[in-house]
Amino acid sequence: MATLDPWFKAAGRALLSVIFLWAGYEKITGFAGAQAYMEKFGVPGELLPLVIATELGGGLAILAGWKTRWVALALAGFCLLAAVVFHNDFANKVQLIFFLKNLAIAGGFLALAASGPGALSLDER
């Protein structure tokens, strides 16, 4: 298993990054809708460019394994914040699943922050 460690860590980083890259792209292409959604929850729509930059930049950094531990911690916090702000209607089963999904992703990022990006990363070059 130890010989597969670099590959497992690279695959894990890639899988964690996909949702952030996709979400950032979706917010760019549906900017007005994303802004309205944020504002519906009391989050200023002016923060949307920062959210997009966090998702795209963070997703790319995790994918490449650049500043991995710090970016993983930041994205774990981002996931927890998003869970609390946007997915706190536990009577709605879909929102509960989204809440738990965000907790799980945050857990993956915390594990990544603890273990590091692995040999197949910019951090290790």
Protein backbone atom coordinates (compact mmCIF):
# COMPACT_ATOMS: atom_id res chain seq x y z
CA MET A 1 0.00 0.00 0.00
CA ALA A 2 2.84 2.40 0.78
CA THR A 3 3.94 2.35 -2.85
CA LEU A 4 0.46 3.49 -3.87
CA ASP A 5 0.39 6.34 -1.32
CA PRO A 6 1.48 9.08 -3.76
CA TRP A 7 -1.13 7.96 -6.28
CA PHE A 8 -3.90 7.71 -3.68
CA LYS A 9 -3.10 11.19 -2.38
CA ALA A 10 -3.04 12.64 -5.91
CA ALA A 11 -6.36 10.95 -6.72
CA GLY A 12 -7.84 12.17 -3.44
CA ARG A 13 -6.74 15.74 -4.19
CA ALA A 14 -8.24 15.50 -7.68
CA LEU A 15 -11.55 14.19 -6.37
CA LEU A 16 -11.74 16.89 -3.70
CA SER A 17 -10.96 19.60 -6.24
CA VAL A 18 -13.63 18.63 -8.79
CA ILE A 19 -16.59 19.98 -6.82
CA PHE A 20 -14.87 23.33 -6.27
CA LEU A 21 -13.81 23.74 -9.89
CA TRP A 22 -17.31 22.86 -11.06
CA ALA A 23 -19.01 25.13 -8.50
CA GLY A 24 -16.77 28.07 -9.42
CA TYR A 25 -17.49 27.58 -13.11
CA GLU A 26 -21.23 27.31 -12.46
CA LYS A 27 -21.19 30.54 -10.47
CA ILE A 28 -19.42 32.36 -13.29
CA THR A 29 -21.87 31.13 -15.91
CA GLY A 30 -24.85 31.73 -13.63
CA PHE A 31 -23.55 34.81 -11.86
CA ALA A 32 -26.89 36.57 -11.33
CA GLY A 33 -28.59 33.45 -10.00
CA ALA A 34 -25.71 32.67 -7.65
CA GLN A 35 -25.72 36.23 -6.40
CA ALA A 36 -29.48 36.11 -5.77
CA TYR A 37 -29.11 32.78 -3.93
CA MET A 38 -26.47 34.23 -1.62
CA GLU A 39 -28.55 37.32 -0.93
CA LYS A 40 -31.57 35.14 -0.11
CA PHE A 41 -29.54 33.87 2.87
CA GLY A 42 -28.37 37.31 3.93
CA VAL A 43 -24.90 37.06 2.36
CA PRO A 44 -23.94 40.19 0.38
CA GLY A 45 -23.89 39.44 -3.34
CA GLU A 46 -20.73 41.55 -3.65
CA LEU A 47 -18.87 38.62 -2.06
CA LEU A 48 -19.57 36.36 -5.04
CA PRO A 49 -16.27 37.16 -6.85
CA LEU A 50 -14.41 36.19 -3.66
CA VAL A 51 -16.39 32.96 -3.46
CA ILE A 52 -15.59 32.18 -7.10
CA ALA A 53 -11.90 32.93 -6.56
CA THR A 54 -11.89 30.70 -3.48
CA GLU A 55 -13.54 27.83 -5.30
CA LEU A 56 -11.50 28.04 -8.51
CA GLY A 57 -8.21 29.04 -6.92
CA GLY A 58 -8.57 26.61 -4.05
CA GLY A 59 -9.65 23.82 -6.37
CA LEU A 60 -6.66 24.36 -8.65
CA ALA A 61 -4.25 24.62 -5.73
CA ILE A 62 -5.50 21.34 -4.23
CA LEU A 63 -5.40 19.63 -7.63
CA ALA A 64 -1.78 20.71 -8.18
CA GLY A 65 -0.77 20.14 -4.58
CA TRP A 66 0.36 23.74 -4.07
CA LYS A 67 0.29 25.19 -0.53
CA THR A 68 -1.84 22.14 0.14
CA ARG A 69 -2.02 22.16 3.92
CA TRP A 70 -3.01 25.84 4.13
CA VAL A 71 -5.47 25.67 1.25
CA ALA A 72 -7.01 22.48 2.67
CA LEU A 73 -7.56 24.23 6.01
CA ALA A 74 -9.11 27.23 4.27
CA LEU A 75 -11.43 25.06 2.17
CA ALA A 76 -12.42 23.02 5.24
CA GLY A 77 -13.49 26.28 6.87
CA PHE A 78 -15.26 27.34 3.67
CA CYS A 79 -17.22 24.05 3.64
CA LEU A 80 -18.22 24.38 7.28
CA LEU A 81 -19.31 27.98 6.79
CA ALA A 82 -21.33 27.08 3.68
CA ALA A 83 -22.98 24.20 5.54
CA VAL A 84 -24.06 26.41 8.42
CA VAL A 85 -25.22 29.36 6.29
CA PHE A 86 -26.83 27.66 3.30
CA HIS A 87 -27.79 24.12 4.37
CA ASN A 88 -29.22 24.46 7.88
CA ASP A 89 -32.82 23.47 7.14
CA PHE A 90 -32.66 19.98 8.64
CA ALA A 91 -36.39 19.41 8.06
CA ASN A 92 -35.55 19.40 4.33
CA LYS A 93 -33.84 16.05 3.66
CA VAL A 94 -31.98 17.41 0.61
CA GLN A 95 -30.56 20.28 2.64
CA LEU A 96 -29.59 17.86 5.41
CA ILE A 97 -27.71 15.75 2.86
CA PHE A 98 -25.97 18.90 1.53
CA PHE A 99 -25.05 19.83 5.11
CA LEU A 100 -23.59 16.36 5.76
CA LYS A 101 -21.80 16.42 2.37
CA ASN A 102 -20.10 19.66 3.35
CA LEU A 103 -19.08 18.15 6.70
CA ALA A 104 -17.62 15.13 4.90
CA ILE A 105 -15.68 17.29 2.45
CA ALA A 106 -14.37 19.40 5.36
CA GLY A 107 -13.24 16.15 7.01
CA GLY A 108 -11.41 15.15 3.84
CA PHE A 109 -9.66 18.50 3.77
CA LEU A 110 -8.65 18.18 7.43
CA ALA A 111 -7.19 14.73 6.69
CA LEU A 112 -5.34 16.21 3.71
CA ALA A 113 -4.01 19.06 5.85
CA ALA A 114 -2.75 16.54 8.40
CA SER A 115 -1.21 14.06 5.96
CA GLY A 116 0.11 16.43 3.32
CA PRO A 117 -0.23 16.37 -0.46
CA GLY A 118 2.02 13.42 -1.24
CA ALA A 119 4.97 13.04 -3.56
CA LEU A 120 3.01 13.86 -6.74
CA SER A 121 2.50 17.53 -5.87
CA LEU A 122 4.07 20.93 -6.37
CA ASP A 123 4.68 21.13 -2.63
CA GLU A 124 7.00 18.12 -2.82
CA ARG A 125 8.95 19.28 -5.88
